[in-house]
Protein backbone atom coordinates (compact mmCIF):
# COMPACT_ATOMS: atom_id res chain seq x y z
CA MET A 1 -27.91 -7.86 18.44
CA TYR A 2 -28.26 -5.92 15.21
CA TYR A 3 -30.31 -5.74 12.08
CA THR A 4 -29.46 -4.90 8.49
CA THR A 5 -31.69 -3.79 5.65
CA GLY A 6 -30.99 -3.70 1.92
CA ILE A 7 -29.34 -7.09 1.28
CA GLY A 8 -30.43 -9.32 -1.63
CA GLN A 9 -31.14 -6.90 -4.48
CA ALA A 10 -30.98 -7.67 -8.23
CA ALA A 11 -27.66 -7.50 -10.13
CA GLY A 12 -26.64 -4.20 -11.73
CA THR A 13 -28.57 -2.03 -9.28
CA ILE A 14 -27.65 0.48 -6.62
CA VAL A 15 -28.12 -1.11 -3.21
CA SER A 16 -28.35 0.90 -0.02
CA GLY A 17 -29.12 0.03 3.54
CA THR A 18 -28.49 0.59 7.19
CA THR A 19 -26.98 -1.48 9.94
CA THR A 20 -27.90 -0.74 13.55
CA VAL A 21 -25.57 -1.44 16.47
CA THR A 22 -28.01 -2.41 19.21
CA THR A 23 -25.35 -2.77 21.93
CA SER A 24 -22.53 -0.23 22.00
CA GLY A 25 -19.09 -1.81 22.15
CA THR A 26 -20.23 -4.96 20.35
CA ALA A 27 -18.98 -5.03 16.74
CA VAL A 28 -21.44 -6.38 14.18
CA ARG A 29 -20.90 -7.56 10.64
CA ILE A 30 -22.80 -5.75 7.88
CA THR A 31 -23.78 -9.12 6.40
CA THR A 32 -22.73 -12.74 6.79
CA VAL A 33 -23.67 -13.40 3.16
CA SER A 34 -20.87 -13.10 0.59
CA THR A 35 -21.76 -9.97 -1.39
CA PRO A 36 -19.16 -9.19 -4.12
CA ILE A 37 -18.74 -5.45 -4.69
CA ALA A 38 -16.16 -3.03 -6.07
CA GLY A 39 -16.40 -0.81 -3.02
CA VAL A 40 -18.90 0.74 -0.64
CA TRP A 41 -19.79 4.24 0.55
CA VAL A 42 -20.45 4.48 4.31
CA GLY A 43 -21.74 7.28 6.49
CA GLY A 44 -23.19 7.98 9.92
CA ASP A 45 -26.96 8.17 10.24
CA ILE A 46 -28.31 11.69 10.79
CA GLY A 47 -30.08 10.56 13.97
CA ASN A 48 -27.00 9.07 15.65
CA ALA A 49 -26.22 10.21 19.19
CA GLY A 50 -22.49 9.47 18.85
CA VAL A 51 -19.87 8.22 16.43
CA VAL A 52 -19.76 4.92 14.59
CA LEU A 53 -16.58 3.13 13.61
CA VAL A 54 -16.15 0.91 10.56
CA GLY A 55 -13.40 -1.56 9.83
CA ASP A 56 -12.59 -5.24 9.91
CA VAL A 57 -13.50 -7.78 12.58
CA ASN A 58 -11.31 -5.88 15.10
CA VAL A 59 -13.30 -2.62 14.90
CA SER A 60 -14.03 -1.23 18.37
CA ALA A 61 -15.84 1.83 19.72
CA THR A 62 -14.89 1.09 23.33
CA GLY A 63 -13.32 4.16 24.92
CA GLY A 64 -9.54 3.96 25.14
CA THR A 65 -9.33 1.12 22.64
CA GLN A 66 -11.10 2.63 19.62
CA GLN A 67 -10.07 0.98 16.37
CA GLY A 68 -11.42 1.66 12.88
CA MET A 69 -12.48 4.65 10.82
CA ILE A 70 -14.53 7.09 12.90
CA ILE A 71 -17.65 8.57 11.29
CA GLY A 72 -19.75 11.23 13.02
CA PRO A 73 -23.51 11.70 12.78
CA ALA A 74 -24.55 12.87 9.28
CA GLU A 75 -20.89 13.07 8.24
CA SER A 76 -20.27 12.93 4.49
CA SER A 77 -19.95 9.39 3.22
CA LYS A 78 -16.55 7.81 2.75
CA PHE A 79 -15.59 5.29 0.07
CA LEU A 80 -13.98 1.99 1.08
CA ALA A 81 -12.39 -0.10 -1.69
CA ILE A 82 -13.34 -3.58 -0.50
CA ASN A 83 -14.35 -6.54 -2.65
CA ASP A 84 -17.02 -8.10 -0.43
CA LEU A 85 -19.54 -6.39 1.85
CA ASN A 86 -19.24 -9.21 4.40
CA LYS A 87 -15.71 -8.00 5.26
CA LEU A 88 -17.12 -4.80 6.77
CA TRP A 89 -17.88 -4.54 10.49
CA VAL A 90 -19.30 -1.65 12.50
CA ASP A 91 -19.40 -0.59 16.15
CA ALA A 92 -20.86 2.50 17.83
CA ASP A 93 -20.25 4.39 21.03
CA GLU A 94 -24.02 4.74 21.64
CA ASP A 95 -26.64 1.98 21.67
CA GLY A 96 -28.90 2.08 18.59
CA ASP A 97 -26.64 4.17 16.36
CA LYS A 98 -26.52 3.25 12.67
CA ILE A 99 -24.21 3.12 9.70
CA VAL A 100 -25.69 3.87 6.28
CA TRP A 101 -24.12 2.28 3.23
CA LEU A 102 -24.48 2.14 -0.55
CA TYR A 103 -22.84 0.11 -3.32
CA LEU A 104 -23.34 -0.75 -6.97
CA GLN A 105 -23.95 -4.45 -7.43
CA PRO A 106 -21.79 -5.93 -10.24
């Protein structure tokens, strides 16, 4: 289970949101809705207890099989050059940790 905020804003605006990983070790998609973008900035929420990992559908925070880009709590955001927000998945090594994200809608 997860929830996402920030989807569905007007064109030409800055859109930001968070995605919460309710169950550690269970990768969740940022959105299932096709959301064309030129790229996205991602970061770990300041209140996270552990690290979050971002990547494609194979992202995993499970110990020993971690896969994806690791982002620590409150770590500076990183830019990912992807063309659709629905290609981005997130997992966390602690229940309830969040990824924060921001993009400019075309």
